Amino acid sequence: MQFSVRISDYQKNTMVNMCDAELIGKDVVDGELKIHISESYYGKQIVDKDEAISFLKSASIMNLVGKETISLAIDLGIGSKDGVKIISDTPFLIIFNT
């Protein structure tokens, strides 16, 4: 299992954008809503599960996409299933731990 990651600083917080690596370049469409899962936003850095865990644990703000990515965050107790939004079978989750 691989994850695509981009780390940035946002208002003095560490922000992690992460998705299942196979989602990079895909479009998620639901009616008029279209979301492009881009490498520029979700990152060029491909990491394994252990690295992904480390990034998730160190982040204050997380923008997560994909079944594996969100399962990992929920298993770590970082996110909640209640916050997951499903768009065209693709789960999205934003977490603020500031």
N, C-alpha and C. Protein backbone atom coordinates (compact mmCIF):
# COMPACT_ATOMS: atom_id res chain seq x y z
N MET A 1 0.84 -1.17 0.00
CA MET A 1 0.00 0.00 0.00
C MET A 1 0.89 1.23 0.00
N GLN A 2 0.61 2.15 -0.92
CA GLN A 2 1.40 3.37 -1.03
C GLN A 2 0.50 4.59 -0.97
N PHE A 3 1.10 5.68 -0.48
CA PHE A 3 0.38 6.92 -0.28
C PHE A 3 1.14 8.05 -0.94
N SER A 4 0.41 9.00 -1.47
CA SER A 4 1.02 10.21 -2.04
C SER A 4 0.85 11.32 -1.01
N VAL A 5 1.94 12.06 -0.73
CA VAL A 5 1.93 13.02 0.37
C VAL A 5 2.54 14.36 -0.05
N ARG A 6 1.94 15.42 0.47
CA ARG A 6 2.53 16.76 0.38
C ARG A 6 2.42 17.39 1.75
N ILE A 7 3.54 17.86 2.28
CA ILE A 7 3.60 18.51 3.58
C ILE A 7 3.81 20.00 3.37
N SER A 8 3.07 20.81 4.10
CA SER A 8 3.28 22.25 4.03
C SER A 8 2.97 22.88 5.38
N ASP A 9 3.40 24.12 5.53
CA ASP A 9 3.07 24.89 6.73
C ASP A 9 1.90 25.80 6.39
N TYR A 10 0.91 25.82 7.26
CA TYR A 10 -0.26 26.66 7.06
C TYR A 10 -0.57 27.35 8.38
N GLN A 11 -0.38 28.64 8.44
CA GLN A 11 -0.64 29.43 9.63
C GLN A 11 0.01 28.80 10.87
N LYS A 12 1.29 28.50 10.75
CA LYS A 12 2.12 27.94 11.83
C LYS A 12 1.70 26.52 12.24
N ASN A 13 0.97 25.84 11.37
CA ASN A 13 0.59 24.45 11.60
C ASN A 13 1.14 23.59 10.48
N THR A 14 1.41 22.32 10.79
CA THR A 14 1.83 21.38 9.76
C THR A 14 0.59 20.80 9.09
N MET A 15 0.52 20.99 7.77
CA MET A 15 -0.62 20.47 7.01
C MET A 15 -0.15 19.32 6.14
N VAL A 16 -0.86 18.22 6.20
CA VAL A 16 -0.56 17.04 5.39
C VAL A 16 -1.72 16.80 4.44
N ASN A 17 -1.43 16.82 3.16
CA ASN A 17 -2.38 16.39 2.14
C ASN A 17 -1.93 15.00 1.73
N MET A 18 -2.80 14.03 1.85
CA MET A 18 -2.43 12.64 1.57
C MET A 18 -3.57 11.92 0.90
N CYS A 19 -3.21 11.06 -0.06
CA CYS A 19 -4.22 10.23 -0.71
C CYS A 19 -3.61 8.87 -1.06
N ASP A 20 -4.49 7.93 -1.35
CA ASP A 20 -4.04 6.65 -1.89
C ASP A 20 -3.30 6.96 -3.19
N ALA A 21 -2.10 6.45 -3.35
CA ALA A 21 -1.25 6.80 -4.49
C ALA A 21 -1.94 6.57 -5.84
N GLU A 22 -2.76 5.53 -5.94
CA GLU A 22 -3.39 5.23 -7.23
C GLU A 22 -4.46 6.24 -7.63
N LEU A 23 -4.83 7.14 -6.72
CA LEU A 23 -5.84 8.15 -7.03
C LEU A 23 -5.25 9.38 -7.72
N ILE A 24 -3.94 9.55 -7.69
CA ILE A 24 -3.32 10.72 -8.31
C ILE A 24 -3.69 10.77 -9.80
N GLY A 25 -4.16 11.94 -10.22
CA GLY A 25 -4.55 12.15 -11.61
C GLY A 25 -5.99 11.78 -11.92
N LYS A 26 -6.71 11.24 -10.96
CA LYS A 26 -8.10 10.83 -11.18
C LYS A 26 -9.06 11.99 -10.95
N ASP A 27 -10.20 11.92 -11.60
CA ASP A 27 -11.28 12.86 -11.38
C ASP A 27 -12.40 12.15 -10.65
N VAL A 28 -12.94 12.79 -9.64
CA VAL A 28 -14.09 12.29 -8.91
C VAL A 28 -15.26 13.19 -9.31
N VAL A 29 -16.30 12.58 -9.86
CA VAL A 29 -17.43 13.34 -10.38
C VAL A 29 -18.72 12.86 -9.72
N ASP A 30 -19.51 13.82 -9.26
CA ASP A 30 -20.82 13.53 -8.70
C ASP A 30 -21.76 14.65 -9.14
N GLY A 31 -22.51 14.42 -10.18
CA GLY A 31 -23.36 15.46 -10.75
C GLY A 31 -22.51 16.59 -11.31
N GLU A 32 -22.75 17.81 -10.83
CA GLU A 32 -21.98 18.95 -11.29
C GLU A 32 -20.66 19.12 -10.53
N LEU A 33 -20.49 18.39 -9.44
CA LEU A 33 -19.27 18.46 -8.65
C LEU A 33 -18.17 17.62 -9.29
N LYS A 34 -17.03 18.24 -9.57
CA LYS A 34 -15.89 17.52 -10.13
C LYS A 34 -14.65 17.91 -9.33
N ILE A 35 -13.97 16.91 -8.79
CA ILE A 35 -12.75 17.12 -8.02
C ILE A 35 -11.62 16.37 -8.71
N HIS A 36 -10.56 17.10 -9.02
CA HIS A 36 -9.37 16.48 -9.63
C HIS A 36 -8.36 16.23 -8.52
N ILE A 37 -7.95 14.99 -8.36
CA ILE A 37 -6.97 14.63 -7.33
C ILE A 37 -5.59 14.79 -7.96
N SER A 38 -5.01 15.96 -7.77
CA SER A 38 -3.79 16.32 -8.48
C SER A 38 -2.52 16.05 -7.68
N GLU A 39 -1.47 15.78 -8.43
CA GLU A 39 -0.15 15.58 -7.83
C GLU A 39 0.33 16.88 -7.19
N SER A 40 -0.02 18.02 -7.77
CA SER A 40 0.42 19.29 -7.21
C SER A 40 -0.19 19.56 -5.83
N TYR A 41 -1.38 19.05 -5.58
CA TYR A 41 -2.02 19.27 -4.28
C TYR A 41 -1.73 18.13 -3.29
N TYR A 42 -1.82 16.90 -3.76
CA TYR A 42 -1.65 15.75 -2.86
C TYR A 42 -0.23 15.21 -2.82
N GLY A 43 0.65 15.72 -3.65
CA GLY A 43 2.06 15.43 -3.49
C GLY A 43 2.65 14.49 -4.50
N LYS A 44 3.95 14.70 -4.69
CA LYS A 44 4.75 13.86 -5.56
C LYS A 44 5.48 12.79 -4.76
N GLN A 45 5.54 12.98 -3.45
CA GLN A 45 6.28 12.05 -2.60
C GLN A 45 5.42 10.81 -2.34
N ILE A 46 5.90 9.66 -2.77
CA ILE A 46 5.21 8.39 -2.53
C ILE A 46 5.86 7.72 -1.32
N VAL A 47 5.03 7.37 -0.34
CA VAL A 47 5.54 6.78 0.89
C VAL A 47 4.82 5.48 1.20
N ASP A 48 5.44 4.68 2.06
CA ASP A 48 4.82 3.44 2.51
C ASP A 48 4.00 3.70 3.78
N LYS A 49 3.40 2.67 4.30
CA LYS A 49 2.50 2.80 5.44
C LYS A 49 3.20 3.40 6.67
N ASP A 50 4.41 2.96 6.98
CA ASP A 50 5.10 3.46 8.17
C ASP A 50 5.38 4.96 8.06
N GLU A 51 5.81 5.41 6.90
CA GLU A 51 6.05 6.84 6.70
C GLU A 51 4.74 7.61 6.77
N ALA A 52 3.68 7.06 6.18
CA ALA A 52 2.37 7.71 6.22
C ALA A 52 1.90 7.88 7.66
N ILE A 53 2.09 6.87 8.48
CA ILE A 53 1.71 6.95 9.90
C ILE A 53 2.46 8.09 10.58
N SER A 54 3.74 8.18 10.33
CA SER A 54 4.56 9.24 10.92
C SER A 54 4.05 10.63 10.52
N PHE A 55 3.74 10.81 9.25
CA PHE A 55 3.22 12.10 8.79
C PHE A 55 1.88 12.42 9.43
N LEU A 56 1.00 11.44 9.50
CA LEU A 56 -0.32 11.67 10.09
C LEU A 56 -0.21 12.05 11.57
N LYS A 57 0.68 11.39 12.28
CA LYS A 57 0.84 11.67 13.71
C LYS A 57 1.44 13.05 13.97
N SER A 58 2.18 13.59 13.02
CA SER A 58 2.85 14.88 13.23
C SER A 58 2.04 16.07 12.71
N ALA A 59 0.93 15.82 12.05
CA ALA A 59 0.18 16.89 11.40
C ALA A 59 -0.86 17.52 12.33
N SER A 60 -1.09 18.80 12.10
CA SER A 60 -2.17 19.52 12.78
C SER A 60 -3.42 19.57 11.92
N ILE A 61 -3.20 19.67 10.60
CA ILE A 61 -4.29 19.76 9.64
C ILE A 61 -4.07 18.68 8.59
N MET A 62 -5.11 17.91 8.29
CA MET A 62 -5.00 16.84 7.30
C MET A 62 -6.13 16.90 6.30
N ASN A 63 -5.78 16.78 5.04
CA ASN A 63 -6.74 16.69 3.96
C ASN A 63 -6.50 15.33 3.31
N LEU A 64 -7.40 14.40 3.55
CA LEU A 64 -7.18 13.00 3.20
C LEU A 64 -8.21 12.51 2.18
N VAL A 65 -7.72 11.68 1.25
CA VAL A 65 -8.61 11.11 0.23
C VAL A 65 -8.22 9.66 0.00
N GLY A 66 -9.22 8.80 -0.09
CA GLY A 66 -8.99 7.40 -0.43
C GLY A 66 -9.28 6.46 0.73
N LYS A 67 -9.71 5.27 0.38
CA LYS A 67 -10.10 4.28 1.39
C LYS A 67 -8.95 3.90 2.30
N GLU A 68 -7.76 3.63 1.75
CA GLU A 68 -6.62 3.21 2.56
C GLU A 68 -6.13 4.34 3.46
N THR A 69 -6.04 5.54 2.90
CA THR A 69 -5.55 6.70 3.66
C THR A 69 -6.47 6.99 4.84
N ILE A 70 -7.76 7.03 4.59
CA ILE A 70 -8.71 7.36 5.65
C ILE A 70 -8.82 6.22 6.66
N SER A 71 -8.77 4.98 6.22
CA SER A 71 -8.76 3.85 7.16
C SER A 71 -7.57 3.93 8.10
N LEU A 72 -6.43 4.30 7.56
CA LEU A 72 -5.22 4.42 8.37
C LEU A 72 -5.41 5.49 9.44
N ALA A 73 -5.92 6.65 9.05
CA ALA A 73 -6.14 7.73 10.02
C ALA A 73 -7.14 7.31 11.10
N ILE A 74 -8.22 6.68 10.70
CA ILE A 74 -9.24 6.25 11.67
C ILE A 74 -8.67 5.17 12.60
N ASP A 75 -7.91 4.23 12.05
CA ASP A 75 -7.30 3.18 12.88
C ASP A 75 -6.33 3.77 13.91
N LEU A 76 -5.69 4.89 13.56
CA LEU A 76 -4.77 5.56 14.48
C LEU A 76 -5.51 6.42 15.51
N GLY A 77 -6.83 6.54 15.36
CA GLY A 77 -7.61 7.36 16.28
C GLY A 77 -7.52 8.84 15.96
N ILE A 78 -7.02 9.17 14.77
CA ILE A 78 -6.85 10.56 14.39
C ILE A 78 -8.14 11.13 13.80
N GLY A 79 -8.84 10.35 13.04
CA GLY A 79 -10.08 10.80 12.41
C GLY A 79 -11.27 10.00 12.89
N SER A 80 -12.44 10.43 12.45
CA SER A 80 -13.68 9.75 12.81
C SER A 80 -14.47 9.41 11.55
N LYS A 81 -15.09 8.26 11.54
CA LYS A 81 -15.94 7.87 10.41
C LYS A 81 -17.06 8.88 10.19
N ASP A 82 -17.48 9.54 11.26
CA ASP A 82 -18.57 10.51 11.16
C ASP A 82 -18.22 11.70 10.27
N GLY A 83 -16.93 12.00 10.13
CA GLY A 83 -16.50 13.13 9.33
C GLY A 83 -16.23 12.81 7.87
N VAL A 84 -16.33 11.55 7.51
CA VAL A 84 -16.00 11.13 6.14
C VAL A 84 -17.15 11.47 5.19
N LYS A 85 -16.79 12.10 4.09
CA LYS A 85 -17.75 12.41 3.03
C LYS A 85 -17.43 11.51 1.84
N ILE A 86 -18.40 10.78 1.34
CA ILE A 86 -18.21 9.90 0.18
C ILE A 86 -18.73 10.62 -1.06
N ILE A 87 -17.84 10.78 -2.03
CA ILE A 87 -18.22 11.39 -3.30
C ILE A 87 -17.87 10.39 -4.39
N SER A 88 -18.87 9.86 -5.05
CA SER A 88 -18.67 8.89 -6.13
C SER A 88 -17.76 7.73 -5.70
N ASP A 89 -18.08 7.12 -4.57
CA ASP A 89 -17.35 5.98 -4.00
C ASP A 89 -15.95 6.32 -3.50
N THR A 90 -15.57 7.59 -3.47
CA THR A 90 -14.25 7.99 -2.98
C THR A 90 -14.43 8.76 -1.68
N PRO A 91 -13.83 8.27 -0.57
CA PRO A 91 -13.97 8.96 0.71
C PRO A 91 -13.01 10.15 0.83
N PHE A 92 -13.51 11.23 1.44
CA PHE A 92 -12.75 12.43 1.74
C PHE A 92 -12.89 12.74 3.22
N LEU A 93 -11.81 13.24 3.82
CA LEU A 93 -11.85 13.59 5.26
C LEU A 93 -10.88 14.73 5.51
N ILE A 94 -11.35 15.76 6.19
CA ILE A 94 -10.50 16.87 6.61
C ILE A 94 -10.49 16.86 8.13
N ILE A 95 -9.28 16.97 8.70
CA ILE A 95 -9.10 16.92 10.15
C ILE A 95 -8.32 18.15 10.61
N PHE A 96 -8.80 18.79 11.66
CA PHE A 96 -8.08 19.90 12.28
C PHE A 96 -7.76 19.50 13.71
N ASN A 97 -6.48 19.41 14.04
CA ASN A 97 -6.03 19.10 15.39
C ASN A 97 -5.16 20.24 15.90
N THR A 98 -5.69 21.44 15.89
CA THR A 98 -4.88 22.59 16.29
C THR A 98 -5.08 22.95 17.74
